[in-house]
C-alpha atoms as a PDB file:
ATOM      1  CA  PRO A   1     174.562  88.560  52.101  1.00  0.00           C
ATOM      2  CA  ASP A   2     175.898  91.330  49.438  1.00  0.00           C
ATOM      3  CA  LEU A   3     179.365  91.329  50.186  1.00  0.00           C
ATOM      4  CA  VAL A   4     182.305  88.671  50.795  1.00  0.00           C
ATOM      5  CA  TYR A   5     185.827  89.619  51.679  1.00  0.00           C
ATOM      6  CA  VAL A   6     188.495  86.648  50.916  1.00  0.00           C
ATOM      7  CA  ALA A   7     191.948  86.733  51.452  1.00  0.00           C
ATOM      8  CA  VAL A   8     193.410  87.209  48.091  1.00  0.00           C
ATOM      9  CA  GLU A   9     195.190  83.830  48.097  1.00  0.00           C
ATOM     10  CA  HIS A  10     192.218  82.085  48.786  1.00  0.00           C
ATOM     11  CA  LYS A  11     190.406  83.711  45.964  1.00  0.00           C
ATOM     12  CA  GLN A  12     190.450  81.012  43.264  1.00  0.00           C
ATOM     13  CA  ALA A  13     189.878  78.242  45.801  1.00  0.00           C
ATOM     14  CA  PHE A  14     186.925  80.474  47.253  1.00  0.00           C
ATOM     15  CA  ILE A  15     185.443  81.017  43.482  1.00  0.00           C
ATOM     16  CA  GLU A  16     185.247  77.178  42.726  1.00  0.00           C
ATOM     17  CA  ALA A  17     184.019  76.257  45.921  1.00  0.00           C
ATOM     18  CA  PHE A  18     181.193  78.935  45.656  1.00  0.00           C
ATOM     19  CA  ARG A  19     180.467  77.963  42.202  1.00  0.00           C
ATOM     20  CA  SER A  20     180.338  74.282  42.823  1.00  0.00           C
ATOM     21  CA  ALA A  21     178.424  74.823  46.014  1.00  0.00           C
ATOM     22  CA  VAL A  22     175.481  77.239  44.348  1.00  0.00           C
ATOM     23  CA  THR A  23     175.201  75.026  41.593  1.00  0.00           C
ATOM     24  CA  ALA A  24     174.845  71.769  43.653  1.00  0.00           C
ATOM     25  CA  LEU A  25     171.840  73.570  45.119  1.00  0.00           C
ATOM     26  CA  TYR A  26     170.701  75.010  41.870  1.00  0.00           C
ATOM     27  CA  PRO A  27     171.734  73.045  38.846  1.00  0.00           C
ATOM     28  CA  SER A  28     169.728  75.274  36.608  1.00  0.00           C
ATOM     29  CA  ALA A  29     168.219  78.527  37.403  1.00  0.00           C
ATOM     30  CA  ASN A  30     165.785  78.546  34.245  1.00  0.00           C
ATOM     31  CA  ASP A  31     162.513  77.196  35.218  1.00  0.00           C
ATOM     32  CA  ASN A  32     163.718  75.886  38.706  1.00  0.00           C
ATOM     33  CA  PRO A  33     160.908  75.716  41.062  1.00  0.00           C
ATOM     34  CA  ASP A  34     163.154  76.003  44.129  1.00  0.00           C
ATOM     35  CA  LEU A  35     164.734  79.162  42.895  1.00  0.00           C
ATOM     36  CA  VAL A  36     162.840  82.373  43.850  1.00  0.00           C
ATOM     37  CA  ALA A  37     162.078  84.783  40.771  1.00  0.00           C
ATOM     38  CA  VAL A  38     163.073  88.717  40.877  1.00  0.00           C
ATOM     39  CA  VAL A  39     160.155  90.108  42.329  1.00  0.00           C
ATOM     40  CA  ASN A  40     158.989  91.986  39.217  1.00  0.00           C
ATOM     41  CA  GLU A  41     160.417  93.258  35.760  1.00  0.00           C
ATOM     42  CA  ARG A  42     161.580  96.407  36.706  1.00  0.00           C
ATOM     43  CA  HIS A  43     163.732  95.148  39.561  1.00  0.00           C
ATOM     44  CA  LEU A  44     165.187  92.755  37.033  1.00  0.00           C
ATOM     45  CA  GLN A  45     166.061  95.522  34.814  1.00  0.00           C
ATOM     46  CA  ARG A  46     167.522  97.138  37.909  1.00  0.00           C
ATOM     47  CA  ILE A  47     169.700  93.953  38.517  1.00  0.00           C
ATOM     48  CA  ASP A  48     170.646  93.786  34.558  1.00  0.00           C
ATOM     49  CA  ARG A  49     171.899  97.168  34.556  1.00  0.00           C
ATOM     50  CA  TYR A  50     174.187  96.645  37.933  1.00  0.00           C
ATOM     51  CA  LEU A  51     175.576  93.749  36.336  1.00  0.00           C
ATOM     52  CA  ALA A  52     176.582  95.373  33.008  1.00  0.00           C
ATOM     53  CA  ASP A  53     177.835  98.433  34.878  1.00  0.00           C
ATOM     54  CA  ALA A  54     180.061  96.317  36.684  1.00  0.00           C
ATOM     55  CA  VAL A  55     181.432  94.548  33.490  1.00  0.00           C
ATOM     56  CA  GLU A  56     181.911  98.171  32.055  1.00  0.00           C
ATOM     57  CA  GLN A  57     183.919  99.227  34.898  1.00  0.00           C
ATOM     58  CA  GLY A  58     185.975  96.246  34.267  1.00  0.00           C
ATOM     59  CA  ALA A  59     184.593  93.792  37.115  1.00  0.00           C
ATOM     60  CA  GLU A  60     184.746  89.868  36.205  1.00  0.00           C
ATOM     61  CA  VAL A  61     181.183  88.655  36.403  1.00  0.00           C
ATOM     62  CA  LEU A  62     180.648  84.695  37.325  1.00  0.00           C
ATOM     63  CA  HIS A  63     177.131  83.086  36.471  1.00  0.00           C
ATOM     64  CA  CYS A  64     176.342  80.130  39.167  1.00  0.00           C
ATOM     65  CA  PRO A  65     175.455  78.045  37.416  1.00  0.00           C
ATOM     66  CA  ASP A  66     176.760  79.411  33.682  1.00  0.00           C
ATOM     67  CA  GLU A  67     173.764  79.323  31.662  1.00  0.00           C
ATOM     68  CA  ALA A  68     172.006  82.059  29.635  1.00  0.00           C
ATOM     69  CA  PRO A  69     168.785  83.476  30.676  1.00  0.00           C
ATOM     70  CA  VAL A  70     165.652  82.935  29.711  1.00  0.00           C
ATOM     71  CA  ALA A  71     164.272  86.324  28.222  1.00  0.00           C
ATOM     72  CA  SER A  72     160.598  85.483  29.043  1.00  0.00           C
ATOM     73  CA  SER A  73     161.493  84.164  32.532  1.00  0.00           C
ATOM     74  CA  ARG A  74     162.595  86.390  35.833  1.00  0.00           C
ATOM     75  CA  LYS A  75     164.408  83.764  37.149  1.00  0.00           C
ATOM     76  CA  ARG A  76     168.735  84.591  37.115  1.00  0.00           C
ATOM     77  CA  PRO A  77     171.609  82.523  38.390  1.00  0.00           C
ATOM     78  CA  LEU A  78     173.271  83.727  41.056  1.00  0.00           C
ATOM     79  CA  SER A  79     176.136  86.288  39.835  1.00  0.00           C
ATOM     80  CA  LEU A  80     179.535  86.817  41.510  1.00  0.00           C
ATOM     81  CA  VAL A  81     181.076  90.074  40.729  1.00  0.00           C
ATOM     82  CA  VAL A  82     184.506  89.785  41.355  1.00  0.00           C
ATOM     83  CA  ASN A  83     186.695  92.583  42.750  1.00  0.00           C
ATOM     84  CA  PRO A  84     184.346  95.630  41.246  1.00  0.00           C
ATOM     85  CA  PRO A  85     185.784  99.296  41.675  1.00  0.00           C
ATOM     86  CA  LEU A  86     184.258 100.995  44.795  1.00  0.00           C
ATOM     87  CA  HIS A  87     182.362 103.604  42.526  1.00  0.00           C
ATOM     88  CA  SER A  88     180.511 100.718  40.411  1.00  0.00           C
ATOM     89  CA  ARG A  89     176.751 100.564  41.265  1.00  0.00           C
ATOM     90  CA  VAL A  90     176.863  96.884  43.094  1.00  0.00           C
ATOM     91  CA  MET A  91     179.124  99.010  45.282  1.00  0.00           C
ATOM     92  CA  GLU A  92     176.889 101.948  46.107  1.00  0.00           C
ATOM     93  CA  GLU A  93     173.354 100.518  45.791  1.00  0.00           C
ATOM     94  CA  GLU A  94     171.114  97.728  47.941  1.00  0.00           C
ATOM     95  CA  LEU A  95     171.147  94.910  45.709  1.00  0.00           C
ATOM     96  CA  PHE A  96     168.128  92.730  46.757  1.00  0.00           C
ATOM     97  CA  GLY A  97     168.769  90.392  43.837  1.00  0.00           C
ATOM     98  CA  PRO A  98     171.013  87.362  42.733  1.00  0.00           C
ATOM     99  CA  ILE A  99     174.168  89.310  43.116  1.00  0.00           C
ATOM    100  CA  MET A 100     177.250  88.400  45.386  1.00  0.00           C
ATOM    101  CA  VAL A 101     179.986  90.752  45.366  1.00  0.00           C
ATOM    102  CA  LEU A 102     183.793  89.313  46.040  1.00  0.00           C
ATOM    103  CA  LEU A 103     186.308  91.689  47.139  1.00  0.00           C
ATOM    104  CA  THR A 104     189.941  89.969  47.552  1.00  0.00           C
ATOM    105  CA  TYR A 105     192.327  91.612  50.578  1.00  0.00           C
ATOM    106  CA  SER A 106     195.454  91.386  51.517  1.00  0.00           C
ATOM    107  CA  ASP A 107     195.509  92.288  55.155  1.00  0.00           C
ATOM    108  CA  LEU A 108     192.435  92.272  57.921  1.00  0.00           C
ATOM    109  CA  PRO A 109     192.970  95.922  59.213  1.00  0.00           C
ATOM    110  CA  SER A 110     191.992  97.057  55.645  1.00  0.00           C
ATOM    111  CA  VAL A 111     189.112  94.894  55.239  1.00  0.00           C
ATOM    112  CA  VAL A 112     187.863  96.164  58.737  1.00  0.00           C
ATOM    113  CA  ALA A 113     188.396  99.827  57.879  1.00  0.00           C
ATOM    114  CA  GLU A 114     186.693  99.609  54.610  1.00  0.00           C
ATOM    115  CA  ILE A 115     183.783  98.115  56.623  1.00  0.00           C
ATOM    116  CA  ASN A 116     183.534 100.928  59.036  1.00  0.00           C
ATOM    117  CA  ALA A 117     183.592 103.553  56.193  1.00  0.00           C
ATOM    118  CA  ARG A 118     180.521 102.580  55.197  1.00  0.00           C
ATOM    119  CA  PRO A 119     177.099 103.008  56.334  1.00  0.00           C
ATOM    120  CA  ARG A 120     176.506 100.111  59.657  1.00  0.00           C
ATOM    121  CA  PRO A 121     175.407  96.801  58.177  1.00  0.00           C
ATOM    122  CA  LEU A 122     172.242  95.127  59.606  1.00  0.00           C
ATOM    123  CA  ALA A 123     174.621  91.788  59.584  1.00  0.00           C
ATOM    124  CA  LEU A 124     178.146  90.686  59.585  1.00  0.00           C
ATOM    125  CA  TYR A 125     179.453  87.120  58.968  1.00  0.00           C
ATOM    126  CA  TYR A 126     182.625  85.768  59.986  1.00  0.00           C
ATOM    127  CA  PHE A 127     183.884  82.684  58.822  1.00  0.00           C
ATOM    128  CA  GLY A 128     187.178  81.235  60.093  1.00  0.00           C
ATOM    129  CA  GLN A 129     188.808  79.202  63.014  1.00  0.00           C
ATOM    130  CA  ASN A 130     191.260  81.687  64.235  1.00  0.00           C
ATOM    131  CA  PRO A 131     189.723  83.062  67.365  1.00  0.00           C
ATOM    132  CA  ALA A 132     192.272  86.120  67.581  1.00  0.00           C
ATOM    133  CA  GLU A 133     191.297  87.140  63.997  1.00  0.00           C
ATOM    134  CA  GLN A 134     187.519  86.546  64.866  1.00  0.00           C
ATOM    135  CA  ASP A 135     187.917  88.738  68.122  1.00  0.00           C
ATOM    136  CA  TYR A 136     189.531  91.464  66.086  1.00  0.00           C
ATOM    137  CA  VAL A 137     186.764  91.549  63.498  1.00  0.00           C
ATOM    138  CA  LEU A 138     184.044  91.387  66.323  1.00  0.00           C
ATOM    139  CA  SER A 139     185.770  94.037  68.372  1.00  0.00           C
ATOM    140  CA  HIS A 140     186.776  96.379  65.743  1.00  0.00           C
ATOM    141  CA  THR A 141     183.202  96.565  63.661  1.00  0.00           C
ATOM    142  CA  LEU A 142     179.578  97.755  64.532  1.00  0.00           C
ATOM    143  CA  SER A 143     176.720  95.987  62.726  1.00  0.00           C
ATOM    144  CA  GLY A 144     173.026  95.221  63.776  1.00  0.00           C
ATOM    145  CA  GLY A 145     174.134  91.544  64.493  1.00  0.00           C
ATOM    146  CA  VAL A 146     176.783  88.758  63.619  1.00  0.00           C
ATOM    147  CA  THR A 147     176.580  84.850  62.483  1.00  0.00           C
ATOM    148  CA  ILE A 148     179.636  83.086  62.744  1.00  0.00           C
ATOM    149  CA  ASN A 149     180.610  80.444  60.011  1.00  0.00           C
ATOM    150  CA  ASP A 150     177.057  80.485  58.742  1.00  0.00           C
ATOM    151  CA  ALA A 151     174.825  83.008  57.081  1.00  0.00           C
ATOM    152  CA  MET A 152     171.501  84.492  58.479  1.00  0.00           C
ATOM    153  CA  LEU A 153     170.810  82.546  61.506  1.00  0.00           C
ATOM    154  CA  HIS A 154     171.290  85.433  64.316  1.00  0.00           C
ATOM    155  CA  PRO A 155     167.571  86.832  63.265  1.00  0.00           C
ATOM    156  CA  ALA A 156     166.502  82.819  64.155  1.00  0.00           C
ATOM    157  CA  MET A 157     167.253  83.180  67.458  1.00  0.00           C
ATOM    158  CA  HIS A 158     163.787  84.459  68.865  1.00  0.00           C
ATOM    159  CA  ASP A 159     164.912  84.793  72.428  1.00  0.00           C
ATOM    160  CA  ALA A 160     167.699  86.878  71.147  1.00  0.00           C
ATOM    161  CA  PRO A 161     167.281  90.545  70.140  1.00  0.00           C
ATOM    162  CA  PHE A 162     167.729  91.430  66.150  1.00  0.00           C
ATOM    163  CA  GLY A 163     167.962  95.041  65.028  1.00  0.00           C
ATOM    164  CA  GLY A 164     169.943  97.315  62.925  1.00  0.00           C
ATOM    165  CA  VAL A 165     172.369 100.423  64.342  1.00  0.00           C
ATOM    166  CA  GLY A 166     172.883 103.404  62.295  1.00  0.00           C
ATOM    167  CA  ALA A 167     171.599 103.522  58.768  1.00  0.00           C
ATOM    168  CA  SER A 168     170.876  99.597  59.224  1.00  0.00           C
ATOM    169  CA  GLY A 169     167.852 100.655  61.311  1.00  0.00           C
ATOM    170  CA  MET A 170     166.785 101.571  65.269  1.00  0.00           C
ATOM    171  CA  GLY A 171     165.447  99.186  67.722  1.00  0.00           C
ATOM    172  CA  HIS A 172     165.456  95.503  68.847  1.00  0.00           C
ATOM    173  CA  TYR A 173     162.740  93.129  68.497  1.00  0.00           C
ATOM    174  CA  HIS A 174     162.104  89.444  69.419  1.00  0.00           C
ATOM    175  CA  GLY A 175     161.042  88.267  72.978  1.00  0.00           C
ATOM    176  CA  ARG A 176     161.243  90.633  75.619  1.00  0.00           C
ATOM    177  CA  GLU A 177     163.052  93.450  73.599  1.00  0.00           C
ATOM    178  CA  GLY A 178     160.251  92.923  71.201  1.00  0.00           C
ATOM    179  CA  PHE A 179     157.500  93.808  73.300  1.00  0.00           C
ATOM    180  CA  CYS A 180     159.379  96.251  74.953  1.00  0.00           C
ATOM    181  CA  GLN A 181     160.135  97.868  71.628  1.00  0.00           C
ATOM    182  CA  PHE A 182     156.476  97.783  70.724  1.00  0.00           C
ATOM    183  CA  SER A 183     154.851  99.146  74.197  1.00  0.00           C
ATOM    184  CA  HIS A 184     154.545 102.499  75.212  1.00  0.00           C
ATOM    185  CA  ALA A 185     155.896 103.211  78.902  1.00  0.00           C
ATOM    186  CA  ARG A 186     153.280 106.336  79.549  1.00  0.00           C
ATOM    187  CA  THR A 187     154.617 108.214  82.557  1.00  0.00           C
ATOM    188  CA  VAL A 188     151.795 109.404  85.122  1.00  0.00           C
ATOM    189  CA  PHE A 189     152.735 112.237  87.542  1.00  0.00           C
ATOM    190  CA  LYS A 190     150.237 113.260  90.254  1.00  0.00           C
ATOM    191  CA  ALA A 191     150.933 116.623  91.982  1.00  0.00           C
ATOM    192  CA  PRO A 192     150.631 117.012  95.415  1.00  0.00           C
ATOM    193  CA  ALA A 193     147.694 118.811  97.647  1.00  0.00           C
ATOM    194  CA  TYR A 194     150.136 121.389  98.693  1.00  0.00           C
ATOM    195  CA  ASP A 195     152.826 123.070  96.100  1.00  0.00           C
ATOM    196  CA  PRO A 196     155.670 124.741  98.376  1.00  0.00           C
ATOM    197  CA  ARG A 197     157.234 126.405  94.883  1.00  0.00           C
ATOM    198  CA  GLY A 198     156.027 129.799  95.931  1.00  0.00           C
ATOM    199  CA  GLU A 199     157.900 129.693  99.538  1.00  0.00           C
ATOM    200  CA  TRP A 200     161.025 128.389  97.604  1.00  0.00           C
ATOM    201  CA  GLY A 201     161.080 131.369  95.336  1.00  0.00           C
ATOM    202  CA  MET A 202     160.391 129.474  92.460  1.00  0.00           C
ATOM    203  CA  LEU A 203     157.546 131.123  90.998  1.00  0.00           C
ATOM    204  CA  PRO A 204     157.036 135.050  90.089  1.00  0.00           C
ATOM    205  CA  PRO A 205     157.470 137.684  91.388  1.00  0.00           C
ATOM    206  CA  TYR A 206     161.067 136.563  91.016  1.00  0.00           C
ATOM    207  CA  GLY A 207     163.515 137.708  94.271  1.00  0.00           C
ATOM    208  CA  GLU A 208     167.217 137.961  94.268  1.00  0.00           C
ATOM    209  CA  GLN A 209     167.482 134.848  95.661  1.00  0.00           C
ATOM    210  CA  PHE A 210     165.833 132.993  92.642  1.00  0.00           C
ATOM    211  CA  LEU A 211     168.361 134.975  90.278  1.00  0.00           C
ATOM    212  CA  MET A 212     171.330 133.894  92.632  1.00  0.00           C
ATOM    213  CA  ALA A 213     170.398 130.375  92.525  1.00  0.00           C
ATOM    214  CA  MET A 214     170.248 130.818  88.521  1.00  0.00           C
ATOM    215  CA  GLN A 215     173.338 132.162  88.312  1.00  0.00           C
ATOM    216  CA  ALA A 216     174.771 129.264  90.596  1.00  0.00           C
ATOM    217  CA  GLN A 217     173.806 126.568  88.171  1.00  0.00           C
ATOM    218  CA  VAL A 218     175.517 128.181  85.203  1.00  0.00           C
ATOM    219  CA  THR A 219     179.144 127.177  84.954  1.00  0.00           C
ATOM    220  CA  ALA A 220     182.100 128.476  82.784  1.00  0.00           C
ATOM    221  CA  ASP A 221     182.385 125.045  80.945  1.00  0.00           C
END
């Protein structure tokens, strides 16, 4: 997950709970064997540029845990970028790194409108206990899949189809859907011994009846 929307009145409580949860999992980022490193130096520099750009654009950046990175290591704490401008790089690029963007909102329809204004996401996550709100989000958005009150678990359902929509991909995989997706249904047509098309006027030389038949298939709309 790259982006989380939080109601503005819950912003501080969410930040405190988020930082507490992440720090409990990863008390330290430096040399932590439980933490995956950024894949290579080029992507590490890319992530650092995104964070520097967010700060330059006026966003607040919080690190979980709050520690200075070791220059010789490609491991980084998870950075929570709070309310970056829509034109900042963390909002325009795919992240693929230890960055989470937090956007606050005052009304749910505006969140749905923002989601729908962007390319279709591969995954959407809804957290909450309000059935009406949940139904509103699910019925007014499109995504490859959805997990409710957790993250990244719907792809683990191997009997349920998984795939994207629009910019996030095409096709569905897992189970029967995966078998069909990677199979080729080949059509084989065998012509009969007798071909009546000549008698029907469907082969040249075409007569007046053929012209009338073609004109009858052309409609004004």
